[in-house]
Amino acid sequence: MKNLRWAIVALLVVFVQYARADSVSVFNISQATILFGPFGNFGDNSLFTFAGPGTSIVGGGSFCFGGLDQWCSGFSLPAGASVTPNVELVSFESLAIVTIGGHSYDPVASVLFLSSITAASSFTLPMGPNSPLSFTVTIPASLTSVGGIAVGVDGSTILFDLNIAPGKLVLTFTAGPDVYSLDRGQFIVATPEPGTIFLLATGLTVMIGRKRSWRCPTEK
């Protein structure tokens, strides 16, 4: 099922490349939150919300998709290592709420394209006998603008691009013998408000319910 979805995404990306620029609606995102853990074998390691005037998109995805970036792939990094926390692939494959320009769209039929994160600087992991067991660092970072296509219940569509303000990565690493590994992290644009946390919780509830319905179809 996921392979089919990625095939659809690939076709849509090709379509966007050939679409006329004036056919893409741009919406400003002033608040964004991506909560994530280290990328595992199955992905699906993040929750996200994007919010701006008339726009709200909530769902789940894969941060560090494909394990291409070692620092967020669950690997142990040597103490004292210099880390540049760029992320080559960030995916948003499971949508729960899609509101674009004040209009609600079908989250199952709608798609967000892949994105990436560029960090403004590197950091160095602690080293030595007094190194902490837990290490948190904050780095300015930017999320590449996120494009997508929203599909209404009536079949109407809108091709859009989310213009996302610069933000920051907040990363927490835990120590092992002479190594550190990512425990959890956040990409944040502006400080999340209580309503943003509520949207994340709502989106998580919707996605859990949807997965349960897929796994446990009603028997007739």
C-alpha atoms as a PDB file:
ATOM      1  CA  MET A   1       0.000   0.000   0.000  1.00  0.00           C
ATOM      2  CA  LYS A   2       2.807   2.390   0.902  1.00  0.00           C
ATOM      3  CA  ASN A   3       4.676   1.532  -2.327  1.00  0.00           C
ATOM      4  CA  LEU A   4       1.582   2.428  -4.343  1.00  0.00           C
ATOM      5  CA  ARG A   5       1.281   5.726  -2.481  1.00  0.00           C
ATOM      6  CA  TRP A   6       4.913   6.600  -3.213  1.00  0.00           C
ATOM      7  CA  ALA A   7       4.372   5.764  -6.877  1.00  0.00           C
ATOM      8  CA  ILE A   8       1.472   8.231  -6.909  1.00  0.00           C
ATOM      9  CA  VAL A   9       3.645  10.846  -5.177  1.00  0.00           C
ATOM     10  CA  ALA A  10       6.379  10.373  -7.795  1.00  0.00           C
ATOM     11  CA  LEU A  11       3.888  10.908 -10.618  1.00  0.00           C
ATOM     12  CA  LEU A  12       2.545  14.012  -8.911  1.00  0.00           C
ATOM     13  CA  VAL A  13       6.061  15.419  -8.517  1.00  0.00           C
ATOM     14  CA  VAL A  14       6.606  15.008 -12.264  1.00  0.00           C
ATOM     15  CA  PHE A  15       3.261  16.717 -12.859  1.00  0.00           C
ATOM     16  CA  VAL A  16       4.255  19.653 -10.659  1.00  0.00           C
ATOM     17  CA  GLN A  17       7.491  20.123 -12.577  1.00  0.00           C
ATOM     18  CA  TYR A  18       5.496  20.667 -15.757  1.00  0.00           C
ATOM     19  CA  ALA A  19       2.636  22.624 -14.230  1.00  0.00           C
ATOM     20  CA  ARG A  20       2.379  26.339 -14.910  1.00  0.00           C
ATOM     21  CA  ALA A  21       3.714  28.439 -12.051  1.00  0.00           C
ATOM     22  CA  ASP A  22       0.534  30.510 -11.834  1.00  0.00           C
ATOM     23  CA  SER A  23      -1.530  27.324 -11.299  1.00  0.00           C
ATOM     24  CA  VAL A  24       0.060  26.688  -7.887  1.00  0.00           C
ATOM     25  CA  SER A  25      -1.518  28.430  -4.890  1.00  0.00           C
ATOM     26  CA  VAL A  26       0.971  29.518  -2.214  1.00  0.00           C
ATOM     27  CA  PHE A  27       0.022  29.619   1.483  1.00  0.00           C
ATOM     28  CA  ASN A  28       2.176  31.031   4.273  1.00  0.00           C
ATOM     29  CA  ILE A  29       2.897  28.810   7.278  1.00  0.00           C
ATOM     30  CA  SER A  30       3.734  30.719  10.454  1.00  0.00           C
ATOM     31  CA  GLN A  31       3.676  27.751  12.851  1.00  0.00           C
ATOM     32  CA  ALA A  32       5.066  24.283  12.207  1.00  0.00           C
ATOM     33  CA  THR A  33       5.934  21.393  14.493  1.00  0.00           C
ATOM     34  CA  ILE A  34       7.479  18.038  13.593  1.00  0.00           C
ATOM     35  CA  LEU A  35       8.009  15.633  16.493  1.00  0.00           C
ATOM     36  CA  PHE A  36      10.270  12.682  15.664  1.00  0.00           C
ATOM     37  CA  GLY A  37      12.436   9.871  16.953  1.00  0.00           C
ATOM     38  CA  PRO A  38      15.286   7.985  15.289  1.00  0.00           C
ATOM     39  CA  PHE A  39      14.361   6.431  11.951  1.00  0.00           C
ATOM     40  CA  GLY A  40      13.778   2.687  12.359  1.00  0.00           C
ATOM     41  CA  ASN A  41      13.199  -0.190   9.974  1.00  0.00           C
ATOM     42  CA  PHE A  42       9.572   0.745   9.316  1.00  0.00           C
ATOM     43  CA  GLY A  43       9.620   4.551   9.331  1.00  0.00           C
ATOM     44  CA  ASP A  44       6.430   6.262  10.516  1.00  0.00           C
ATOM     45  CA  ASN A  45       8.484   7.958  13.222  1.00  0.00           C
ATOM     46  CA  SER A  46       7.061  11.486  13.188  1.00  0.00           C
ATOM     47  CA  LEU A  47       3.983  13.614  13.801  1.00  0.00           C
ATOM     48  CA  PHE A  48       3.589  17.041  12.240  1.00  0.00           C
ATOM     49  CA  THR A  49       1.343  20.069  12.055  1.00  0.00           C
ATOM     50  CA  PHE A  50       1.494  23.071   9.722  1.00  0.00           C
ATOM     51  CA  ALA A  51      -0.629  26.119  10.503  1.00  0.00           C
ATOM     52  CA  GLY A  52      -1.147  29.510   8.924  1.00  0.00           C
ATOM     53  CA  PRO A  53      -3.979  31.855   7.926  1.00  0.00           C
ATOM     54  CA  GLY A  54      -6.837  29.584   6.816  1.00  0.00           C
ATOM     55  CA  THR A  55      -4.520  26.586   6.652  1.00  0.00           C
ATOM     56  CA  SER A  56      -4.085  23.583   8.939  1.00  0.00           C
ATOM     57  CA  ILE A  57      -2.468  20.268   7.984  1.00  0.00           C
ATOM     58  CA  VAL A  58      -1.871  17.500  10.532  1.00  0.00           C
ATOM     59  CA  GLY A  59      -0.524  13.995  10.084  1.00  0.00           C
ATOM     60  CA  GLY A  60       2.327  11.565  10.460  1.00  0.00           C
ATOM     61  CA  GLY A  61       5.290  10.594   8.376  1.00  0.00           C
ATOM     62  CA  SER A  62       8.897   9.523   8.251  1.00  0.00           C
ATOM     63  CA  PHE A  63      11.631  11.852   9.437  1.00  0.00           C
ATOM     64  CA  CYS A  64      15.021  10.958   7.966  1.00  0.00           C
ATOM     65  CA  PHE A  65      13.162   8.773   5.446  1.00  0.00           C
ATOM     66  CA  GLY A  66      15.292   5.954   4.059  1.00  0.00           C
ATOM     67  CA  GLY A  67      17.946   6.326   6.758  1.00  0.00           C
ATOM     68  CA  LEU A  68      20.156   8.411   4.461  1.00  0.00           C
ATOM     69  CA  ASP A  69      21.420  10.671   7.268  1.00  0.00           C
ATOM     70  CA  GLN A  70      23.363   8.750   9.908  1.00  0.00           C
ATOM     71  CA  TRP A  71      22.751  11.099  12.829  1.00  0.00           C
ATOM     72  CA  CYS A  72      18.968  10.526  12.803  1.00  0.00           C
ATOM     73  CA  SER A  73      18.950   6.896  11.631  1.00  0.00           C
ATOM     74  CA  GLY A  74      19.386   5.260  15.029  1.00  0.00           C
ATOM     75  CA  PHE A  75      23.131   4.704  14.612  1.00  0.00           C
ATOM     76  CA  SER A  76      25.556   5.432  17.446  1.00  0.00           C
ATOM     77  CA  LEU A  77      27.846   8.405  16.872  1.00  0.00           C
ATOM     78  CA  PRO A  78      31.273   8.653  18.550  1.00  0.00           C
ATOM     79  CA  ALA A  79      31.598  11.094  21.430  1.00  0.00           C
ATOM     80  CA  GLY A  80      33.315  14.270  20.245  1.00  0.00           C
ATOM     81  CA  ALA A  81      31.971  13.898  16.698  1.00  0.00           C
ATOM     82  CA  SER A  82      30.953  16.975  14.720  1.00  0.00           C
ATOM     83  CA  VAL A  83      27.370  16.658  13.457  1.00  0.00           C
ATOM     84  CA  THR A  84      25.581  18.692  10.798  1.00  0.00           C
ATOM     85  CA  PRO A  85      21.897  17.795  11.297  1.00  0.00           C
ATOM     86  CA  ASN A  86      20.692  18.090   7.713  1.00  0.00           C
ATOM     87  CA  VAL A  87      17.868  15.763   6.660  1.00  0.00           C
ATOM     88  CA  GLU A  88      17.789  14.718   3.023  1.00  0.00           C
ATOM     89  CA  LEU A  89      14.257  13.289   3.018  1.00  0.00           C
ATOM     90  CA  VAL A  90      11.244  14.116   5.182  1.00  0.00           C
ATOM     91  CA  SER A  91       7.958  12.483   4.187  1.00  0.00           C
ATOM     92  CA  PHE A  92       4.351  13.281   5.118  1.00  0.00           C
ATOM     93  CA  GLU A  93       2.505  10.181   3.962  1.00  0.00           C
ATOM     94  CA  SER A  94      -0.309   9.877   6.534  1.00  0.00           C
ATOM     95  CA  LEU A  95      -2.615  12.893   6.622  1.00  0.00           C
ATOM     96  CA  ALA A  96      -5.354  13.296   9.231  1.00  0.00           C
ATOM     97  CA  ILE A  97      -6.546  16.912   8.782  1.00  0.00           C
ATOM     98  CA  VAL A  98      -6.232  19.011   5.615  1.00  0.00           C
ATOM     99  CA  THR A  99      -7.582  22.567   5.537  1.00  0.00           C
ATOM    100  CA  ILE A 100      -6.221  24.790   2.761  1.00  0.00           C
ATOM    101  CA  GLY A 101      -7.295  28.389   2.238  1.00  0.00           C
ATOM    102  CA  GLY A 102     -10.209  27.956   4.645  1.00  0.00           C
ATOM    103  CA  HIS A 103     -11.587  24.874   2.846  1.00  0.00           C
ATOM    104  CA  SER A 104     -11.491  21.302   4.172  1.00  0.00           C
ATOM    105  CA  TYR A 105     -10.205  18.500   1.927  1.00  0.00           C
ATOM    106  CA  ASP A 106     -10.142  14.718   2.075  1.00  0.00           C
ATOM    107  CA  PRO A 107      -6.986  13.751   4.025  1.00  0.00           C
ATOM    108  CA  VAL A 108      -6.916  10.225   2.586  1.00  0.00           C
ATOM    109  CA  ALA A 109      -6.930  11.361  -1.045  1.00  0.00           C
ATOM    110  CA  SER A 110      -4.680  14.409  -0.520  1.00  0.00           C
ATOM    111  CA  VAL A 111      -0.873  14.193  -0.764  1.00  0.00           C
ATOM    112  CA  LEU A 112       2.104  16.181   0.514  1.00  0.00           C
ATOM    113  CA  PHE A 113       5.367  15.863  -1.402  1.00  0.00           C
ATOM    114  CA  LEU A 114       8.781  15.041   0.077  1.00  0.00           C
ATOM    115  CA  SER A 115      10.816  17.791   1.722  1.00  0.00           C
ATOM    116  CA  SER A 116      14.209  18.261   3.373  1.00  0.00           C
ATOM    117  CA  ILE A 117      15.789  20.177   6.252  1.00  0.00           C
ATOM    118  CA  THR A 118      18.924  22.298   6.112  1.00  0.00           C
ATOM    119  CA  ALA A 119      20.673  23.165   9.380  1.00  0.00           C
ATOM    120  CA  ALA A 120      22.394  26.520   9.731  1.00  0.00           C
ATOM    121  CA  SER A 121      25.408  25.100  11.590  1.00  0.00           C
ATOM    122  CA  SER A 122      27.060  22.018  13.055  1.00  0.00           C
ATOM    123  CA  PHE A 123      27.539  20.986  16.683  1.00  0.00           C
ATOM    124  CA  THR A 124      29.939  18.750  18.600  1.00  0.00           C
ATOM    125  CA  LEU A 125      28.857  15.863  20.809  1.00  0.00           C
ATOM    126  CA  PRO A 126      30.330  15.889  24.339  1.00  0.00           C
ATOM    127  CA  MET A 127      33.434  13.867  25.083  1.00  0.00           C
ATOM    128  CA  GLY A 128      35.350  13.039  28.243  1.00  0.00           C
ATOM    129  CA  PRO A 129      34.806  11.570  31.696  1.00  0.00           C
ATOM    130  CA  ASN A 130      32.299  14.267  32.683  1.00  0.00           C
ATOM    131  CA  SER A 131      30.118  13.944  29.592  1.00  0.00           C
ATOM    132  CA  PRO A 132      26.380  14.077  30.373  1.00  0.00           C
ATOM    133  CA  LEU A 133      24.132  11.046  29.959  1.00  0.00           C
ATOM    134  CA  SER A 134      21.691  13.205  28.016  1.00  0.00           C
ATOM    135  CA  PHE A 135      22.660  16.040  25.665  1.00  0.00           C
ATOM    136  CA  THR A 136      20.242  18.554  24.092  1.00  0.00           C
ATOM    137  CA  VAL A 137      21.185  21.049  21.393  1.00  0.00           C
ATOM    138  CA  THR A 138      19.216  23.708  19.472  1.00  0.00           C
ATOM    139  CA  ILE A 139      20.228  24.560  15.897  1.00  0.00           C
ATOM    140  CA  PRO A 140      18.578  27.085  13.525  1.00  0.00           C
ATOM    141  CA  ALA A 141      17.197  25.228  10.511  1.00  0.00           C
ATOM    142  CA  SER A 142      14.899  25.583   7.516  1.00  0.00           C
ATOM    143  CA  LEU A 143      12.365  23.188   6.031  1.00  0.00           C
ATOM    144  CA  THR A 144      12.167  23.265   2.248  1.00  0.00           C
ATOM    145  CA  SER A 145       8.794  24.542   1.091  1.00  0.00           C
ATOM    146  CA  VAL A 146       6.286  21.690   1.040  1.00  0.00           C
ATOM    147  CA  GLY A 147       4.114  21.190  -2.014  1.00  0.00           C
ATOM    148  CA  GLY A 148       1.069  19.011  -2.408  1.00  0.00           C
ATOM    149  CA  ILE A 149      -2.291  18.386  -3.964  1.00  0.00           C
ATOM    150  CA  ALA A 150      -5.497  18.523  -1.934  1.00  0.00           C
ATOM    151  CA  VAL A 151      -8.563  16.620  -3.103  1.00  0.00           C
ATOM    152  CA  GLY A 152     -12.085  17.571  -2.050  1.00  0.00           C
ATOM    153  CA  VAL A 153     -14.906  15.106  -1.362  1.00  0.00           C
ATOM    154  CA  ASP A 154     -16.531  16.422  -4.554  1.00  0.00           C
ATOM    155  CA  GLY A 155     -13.444  15.595  -6.604  1.00  0.00           C
ATOM    156  CA  SER A 156     -12.172  19.168  -6.807  1.00  0.00           C
ATOM    157  CA  THR A 157      -8.411  19.614  -6.483  1.00  0.00           C
ATOM    158  CA  ILE A 158      -5.948  22.351  -5.605  1.00  0.00           C
ATOM    159  CA  LEU A 159      -2.231  22.283  -6.286  1.00  0.00           C
ATOM    160  CA  PHE A 160      -0.477  24.194  -3.517  1.00  0.00           C
ATOM    161  CA  ASP A 161       2.841  25.129  -1.987  1.00  0.00           C
ATOM    162  CA  LEU A 162       3.451  25.856   1.713  1.00  0.00           C
ATOM    163  CA  ASN A 163       5.858  28.734   2.301  1.00  0.00           C
ATOM    164  CA  ILE A 164       7.350  27.804   5.686  1.00  0.00           C
ATOM    165  CA  ALA A 165       9.220  30.318   7.818  1.00  0.00           C
ATOM    166  CA  PRO A 166      12.695  29.408   9.157  1.00  0.00           C
ATOM    167  CA  GLY A 167      12.714  27.505  12.438  1.00  0.00           C
ATOM    168  CA  LYS A 168      14.978  25.401  14.628  1.00  0.00           C
ATOM    169  CA  LEU A 169      15.867  21.815  15.448  1.00  0.00           C
ATOM    170  CA  VAL A 170      15.826  20.787  19.112  1.00  0.00           C
ATOM    171  CA  LEU A 171      17.659  17.468  19.433  1.00  0.00           C
ATOM    172  CA  THR A 172      18.215  15.206  22.439  1.00  0.00           C
ATOM    173  CA  PHE A 173      20.885  12.503  22.401  1.00  0.00           C
ATOM    174  CA  THR A 174      21.506   9.787  24.993  1.00  0.00           C
ATOM    175  CA  ALA A 175      24.957   8.457  25.870  1.00  0.00           C
ATOM    176  CA  GLY A 176      26.402   4.980  25.717  1.00  0.00           C
ATOM    177  CA  PRO A 177      30.025   3.901  26.227  1.00  0.00           C
ATOM    178  CA  ASP A 178      31.893   6.587  24.255  1.00  0.00           C
ATOM    179  CA  VAL A 179      28.932   7.102  21.890  1.00  0.00           C
ATOM    180  CA  TYR A 180      25.723   9.115  21.552  1.00  0.00           C
ATOM    181  CA  SER A 181      22.528   8.289  19.677  1.00  0.00           C
ATOM    182  CA  LEU A 182      19.433  10.335  18.890  1.00  0.00           C
ATOM    183  CA  ASP A 183      16.630   9.870  21.407  1.00  0.00           C
ATOM    184  CA  ARG A 184      14.064  12.423  20.176  1.00  0.00           C
ATOM    185  CA  GLY A 185      13.789  15.715  18.380  1.00  0.00           C
ATOM    186  CA  GLN A 186      11.589  18.538  17.161  1.00  0.00           C
ATOM    187  CA  PHE A 187      11.567  20.884  14.224  1.00  0.00           C
ATOM    188  CA  ILE A 188       9.762  24.039  15.356  1.00  0.00           C
ATOM    189  CA  VAL A 189       8.666  27.222  13.640  1.00  0.00           C
ATOM    190  CA  ALA A 190       7.462  29.576  16.395  1.00  0.00           C
ATOM    191  CA  THR A 191       6.489  28.257  19.823  1.00  0.00           C
ATOM    192  CA  PRO A 192       3.636  25.732  19.618  1.00  0.00           C
ATOM    193  CA  GLU A 193       0.420  27.067  21.132  1.00  0.00           C
ATOM    194  CA  PRO A 194      -2.040  24.882  23.097  1.00  0.00           C
ATOM    195  CA  GLY A 195      -4.212  24.664  19.987  1.00  0.00           C
ATOM    196  CA  THR A 196      -1.269  23.221  18.017  1.00  0.00           C
ATOM    197  CA  ILE A 197      -0.723  20.512  20.629  1.00  0.00           C
ATOM    198  CA  PHE A 198      -4.459  19.751  20.470  1.00  0.00           C
ATOM    199  CA  LEU A 199      -4.259  19.399  16.680  1.00  0.00           C
ATOM    200  CA  LEU A 200      -1.350  16.964  17.011  1.00  0.00           C
ATOM    201  CA  ALA A 201      -3.290  14.899  19.544  1.00  0.00           C
ATOM    202  CA  THR A 202      -6.390  14.955  17.330  1.00  0.00           C
ATOM    203  CA  GLY A 203      -4.392  13.909  14.291  1.00  0.00           C
ATOM    204  CA  LEU A 204      -2.737  11.072  16.206  1.00  0.00           C
ATOM    205  CA  THR A 205      -6.143   9.814  17.376  1.00  0.00           C
ATOM    206  CA  VAL A 206      -7.495   9.898  13.813  1.00  0.00           C
ATOM    207  CA  MET A 207      -4.494   8.012  12.425  1.00  0.00           C
ATOM    208  CA  ILE A 208      -4.626   5.341  15.144  1.00  0.00           C
ATOM    209  CA  GLY A 209      -8.329   4.823  14.474  1.00  0.00           C
ATOM    210  CA  ARG A 210      -7.718   4.602  10.734  1.00  0.00           C
ATOM    211  CA  LYS A 211      -4.931   2.010  11.120  1.00  0.00           C
ATOM    212  CA  ARG A 212      -7.090  -0.073  13.438  1.00  0.00           C
ATOM    213  CA  SER A 213      -9.925  -0.026  10.904  1.00  0.00           C
ATOM    214  CA  TRP A 214      -7.509  -1.218   8.214  1.00  0.00           C
ATOM    215  CA  ARG A 215      -6.183  -4.042  10.369  1.00  0.00           C
ATOM    216  CA  CYS A 216      -9.540  -5.123  11.807  1.00  0.00           C
ATOM    217  CA  PRO A 217     -12.202  -4.919   9.065  1.00  0.00           C
ATOM    218  CA  THR A 218     -15.773  -5.457  10.196  1.00  0.00           C
ATOM    219  CA  GLU A 219     -16.855  -8.985   9.630  1.00  0.00           C
ATOM    220  CA  LYS A 220     -20.198  -9.530   7.952  1.00  0.00           C
END
